[in-house]
Amino acid sequence: MRGVKAGRAALSLCCMLAVLAASMPAASAATARKPAETAKEKAARAKAAKDKPVKNPGVWTAAREEEGVTLQFRIPGTPAPTLFVACRPDGGLFQVVAEVSPPKARPGDAVKLVIGNGRVTVEFAASVFPSATDGRMAVEAQVTLEPKLVELFKTAEQLRIVVPGATETLPLASLQKRIADFEKACLKPAIVPARAG
C-alpha cells in the first residue's frame, strides 16, 4: 500500500514538473517578443518630457516705468522674482535679471546666460551678484535692445533659463495676453527699426 502511495506521489510530482517545464518556454517567448527600448525611442521620450509645458505656481506681471516697461515672473511669497526684464527704449537697452544660482560662481564672476523658448535663443554675457534669497546668487545682463529679445517671450509654451550648472523653466502661456502691449511699448519704431521680412 505504501508503495502505491509513493508511486502516486512520484507521479504527481512528475506531472507538476512537466507542467512547469512546458510553461517556461512560453514565458520566455513572451518576454522575447517585447523588444527593448531603442536609443531613438529613449531620445524621443526624453524630448517629449522636455517639451511638455512646465507647471509652475509663479505669476507674470507687466508694468510701465518712467524709462520703459518691465516684465517679471515671481512665485508668490518669494523675496525676488525668478526673472525680471526691463526694456528701456529711449536708451536702447534691454536688461535681464535671473534668479538662477550658478553653483560654483561668486559675486562679480562673469557667466554665460542662455535664454530660449524653442524657436529663439539668445546668449548673454552676465555677471553674478548676491540674490535677495539667502544663500543664493542671481545673474544680470544688459544689452542693446533688438526685436529678437522680445520674441523670446512670444508664441511659445515655456522659457528656459540656463547658466553653468543650473536651469529654470518658466511657463509662458499666461504671459501671451500681456506681451503685445509690452512689445509695442518696448520696440518704438523711432528707436528700434522693424525687422525686415
Protein backbone atom coordinates (compact mmCIF):
# COMPACT_ATOMS: atom_id res chain seq x y z
CA MET A 1 0.00 0.00 0.00
CA ARG A 2 2.82 2.33 0.89
CA GLY A 3 4.45 1.54 -2.42
CA VAL A 4 1.26 2.55 -4.29
CA LYS A 5 1.02 5.85 -2.38
CA ALA A 6 4.69 6.58 -3.00
CA GLY A 7 4.20 5.83 -6.68
CA ARG A 8 1.21 8.14 -6.91
CA ALA A 9 3.17 10.92 -5.15
CA ALA A 10 6.09 10.50 -7.52
CA LEU A 11 3.70 10.54 -10.50
CA SER A 12 2.06 13.75 -9.25
CA LEU A 13 5.45 15.39 -8.77
CA CYS A 14 6.50 14.39 -12.30
CA CYS A 15 3.29 15.86 -13.71
CA MET A 16 3.85 19.17 -11.88
CA LEU A 17 7.42 19.38 -13.13
CA ALA A 18 6.27 18.67 -16.67
CA VAL A 19 3.66 21.46 -16.49
CA LEU A 20 6.27 23.92 -15.18
CA ALA A 21 8.76 22.92 -17.85
CA ALA A 22 6.13 23.39 -20.55
CA SER A 23 5.17 26.85 -19.31
CA MET A 24 8.71 28.21 -19.02
CA PRO A 25 9.49 28.39 -22.75
CA ALA A 26 6.17 30.13 -23.34
CA ALA A 27 7.02 32.74 -20.71
CA SER A 28 10.47 33.18 -22.23
CA ALA A 29 8.94 33.57 -25.66
CA ALA A 30 6.50 36.18 -24.38
CA THR A 31 9.40 38.08 -22.83
CA ALA A 32 11.43 37.81 -26.01
CA ARG A 33 8.56 39.23 -28.09
CA LYS A 34 8.77 42.54 -26.19
CA PRO A 35 11.70 44.44 -27.74
CA ALA A 36 13.98 46.59 -25.61
CA GLU A 37 13.57 50.36 -25.95
CA THR A 38 15.91 51.67 -28.64
CA ALA A 39 18.16 54.70 -28.26
CA LYS A 40 15.93 56.55 -30.73
CA GLU A 41 12.82 55.79 -28.67
CA LYS A 42 14.57 56.90 -25.47
CA ALA A 43 15.59 60.17 -27.14
CA ALA A 44 12.02 60.76 -28.35
CA ARG A 45 10.64 60.09 -24.86
CA ALA A 46 13.19 62.48 -23.32
CA LYS A 47 12.31 65.19 -25.87
CA ALA A 48 8.59 64.78 -25.19
CA ALA A 49 9.21 65.16 -21.45
CA LYS A 50 11.37 68.24 -22.09
CA ASP A 51 8.79 69.87 -24.37
CA LYS A 52 5.90 69.19 -22.01
CA PRO A 53 4.67 72.51 -20.55
CA VAL A 54 6.06 73.03 -17.09
CA LYS A 55 3.73 73.53 -14.13
CA ASN A 56 4.91 76.43 -12.02
CA PRO A 57 2.98 78.41 -9.39
CA GLY A 58 4.58 81.68 -10.47
CA VAL A 59 2.78 84.69 -11.93
CA TRP A 60 3.76 87.03 -14.77
CA THR A 61 3.25 90.76 -14.28
CA ALA A 62 3.94 93.72 -16.54
CA ALA A 63 4.40 97.35 -15.54
CA ARG A 64 5.27 100.72 -17.01
CA GLU A 65 8.11 102.76 -15.56
CA GLU A 66 9.39 106.23 -16.29
CA GLU A 67 12.16 104.86 -18.50
CA GLY A 68 10.28 101.99 -20.12
CA VAL A 69 8.40 98.77 -19.40
CA THR A 70 9.11 95.70 -17.31
CA LEU A 71 8.10 92.05 -17.11
CA GLN A 72 8.64 89.78 -14.16
CA PHE A 73 7.88 86.23 -13.17
CA ARG A 74 7.57 85.68 -9.44
CA ILE A 75 6.46 82.81 -7.23
CA PRO A 76 4.19 84.28 -4.53
CA GLY A 77 5.95 84.61 -1.18
CA THR A 78 9.48 84.62 -2.57
CA PRO A 79 11.77 87.62 -1.88
CA ALA A 80 12.84 88.08 -5.51
CA PRO A 81 11.37 87.37 -8.95
CA THR A 82 12.70 84.35 -10.83
CA LEU A 83 13.06 86.59 -13.87
CA PHE A 84 12.98 90.37 -14.23
CA VAL A 85 13.19 92.06 -17.63
CA ALA A 86 13.38 95.81 -18.24
CA CYS A 87 13.08 97.37 -21.67
CA ARG A 88 14.31 100.96 -21.89
CA PRO A 89 13.63 102.07 -25.47
CA ASP A 90 14.81 105.66 -25.06
CA GLY A 91 18.23 104.39 -24.11
CA GLY A 92 18.08 101.43 -26.47
CA LEU A 93 18.77 99.00 -23.62
CA PHE A 94 17.38 95.65 -22.51
CA GLN A 95 18.14 94.35 -19.01
CA VAL A 96 17.70 90.80 -17.70
CA VAL A 97 17.99 89.70 -14.07
CA ALA A 98 17.55 85.97 -13.44
CA GLU A 99 17.27 84.25 -10.07
CA VAL A 100 19.23 81.24 -11.28
CA SER A 101 22.11 80.40 -8.99
CA PRO A 102 25.30 79.04 -10.64
CA PRO A 103 26.57 76.56 -8.01
CA LYS A 104 30.28 77.45 -8.25
CA ALA A 105 30.03 81.16 -9.02
CA ARG A 106 30.93 84.04 -6.72
CA PRO A 107 29.78 87.66 -6.78
CA GLY A 108 31.41 89.50 -9.66
CA ASP A 109 32.08 86.38 -11.74
CA ALA A 110 31.24 86.51 -15.44
CA VAL A 111 28.97 83.70 -16.68
CA LYS A 112 27.11 82.80 -19.85
CA LEU A 113 23.35 83.19 -19.54
CA VAL A 114 21.26 81.45 -22.21
CA ILE A 115 17.53 82.11 -22.58
CA GLY A 116 15.43 80.29 -25.16
CA ASN A 117 11.86 79.31 -25.99
CA GLY A 118 12.44 76.54 -28.54
CA ARG A 119 12.29 78.92 -31.51
CA VAL A 120 14.51 81.78 -30.39
CA THR A 121 17.63 81.51 -28.24
CA VAL A 122 19.78 84.38 -27.00
CA GLU A 123 23.12 84.21 -25.19
CA PHE A 124 24.06 86.95 -22.75
CA ALA A 125 27.35 87.81 -21.07
CA ALA A 126 26.11 88.11 -17.49
CA SER A 127 27.61 88.90 -14.11
CA VAL A 128 26.85 87.23 -10.78
CA PHE A 129 25.62 89.10 -7.70
CA PRO A 130 24.13 88.08 -4.31
CA SER A 131 20.43 87.34 -4.51
CA ALA A 132 17.78 88.66 -2.16
CA THR A 133 17.20 84.98 -1.32
CA ASP A 134 19.63 83.90 1.41
CA GLY A 135 22.44 81.67 0.21
CA ARG A 136 21.70 82.12 -3.49
CA MET A 137 23.17 84.09 -6.36
CA ALA A 138 21.49 85.79 -9.29
CA VAL A 139 22.78 86.89 -12.68
CA GLU A 140 22.34 90.14 -14.59
CA ALA A 141 22.94 91.18 -18.17
CA GLN A 142 22.34 94.41 -20.08
CA VAL A 143 22.44 94.51 -23.86
CA THR A 144 21.44 96.66 -26.81
CA LEU A 145 17.73 96.45 -27.47
CA GLU A 146 16.69 94.45 -30.55
CA PRO A 147 13.44 92.73 -31.64
CA LYS A 148 14.56 89.13 -31.03
CA LEU A 149 14.81 89.89 -27.30
CA VAL A 150 11.06 90.47 -27.18
CA GLU A 151 10.45 87.39 -29.35
CA LEU A 152 11.83 85.25 -26.52
CA PHE A 153 8.53 85.78 -24.72
CA LYS A 154 6.14 85.30 -27.66
CA THR A 155 4.17 82.35 -29.06
CA ALA A 156 5.89 79.63 -27.07
CA GLU A 157 4.86 77.38 -24.19
CA GLN A 158 7.89 77.78 -21.98
CA LEU A 159 11.09 79.71 -21.44
CA ARG A 160 14.35 78.02 -20.43
CA ILE A 161 16.95 79.98 -18.47
CA VAL A 162 20.36 78.33 -18.29
CA VAL A 163 23.59 79.22 -16.52
CA PRO A 164 26.51 76.83 -15.87
CA GLY A 165 25.19 74.15 -13.52
CA ALA A 166 21.62 75.46 -13.15
CA THR A 167 18.41 75.69 -15.19
CA GLU A 168 14.98 77.21 -14.64
CA THR A 169 11.95 76.62 -16.87
CA LEU A 170 9.08 79.10 -16.82
CA PRO A 171 5.62 78.75 -18.42
CA LEU A 172 4.72 81.42 -20.99
CA ALA A 173 1.02 80.75 -21.66
CA SER A 174 -0.29 83.27 -19.11
CA LEU A 175 2.03 85.98 -20.44
CA GLN A 176 0.69 85.99 -24.00
CA LYS A 177 -2.21 88.37 -23.29
CA ARG A 178 0.28 90.95 -21.95
CA ILE A 179 3.13 90.58 -24.42
CA ALA A 180 1.56 92.68 -27.22
CA ASP A 181 1.46 95.80 -25.02
CA PHE A 182 4.99 95.10 -23.80
CA GLU A 183 6.24 94.74 -27.37
CA LYS A 184 4.50 97.92 -28.51
CA ALA A 185 5.99 99.97 -25.67
CA CYS A 186 9.40 98.33 -25.92
CA LEU A 187 10.02 98.43 -29.65
CA LYS A 188 9.32 102.05 -30.51
CA PRO A 189 9.75 102.49 -34.28
CA ALA A 190 11.92 105.57 -33.80
CA ILE A 191 14.31 103.69 -31.54
CA VAL A 192 14.31 100.13 -32.90
CA PRO A 193 13.76 99.64 -36.65
CA ALA A 194 11.30 96.96 -37.63
CA ARG A 195 12.86 93.67 -38.68
CA ALA A 196 12.98 93.24 -42.43
CA GLY A 197 10.90 90.44 -43.96
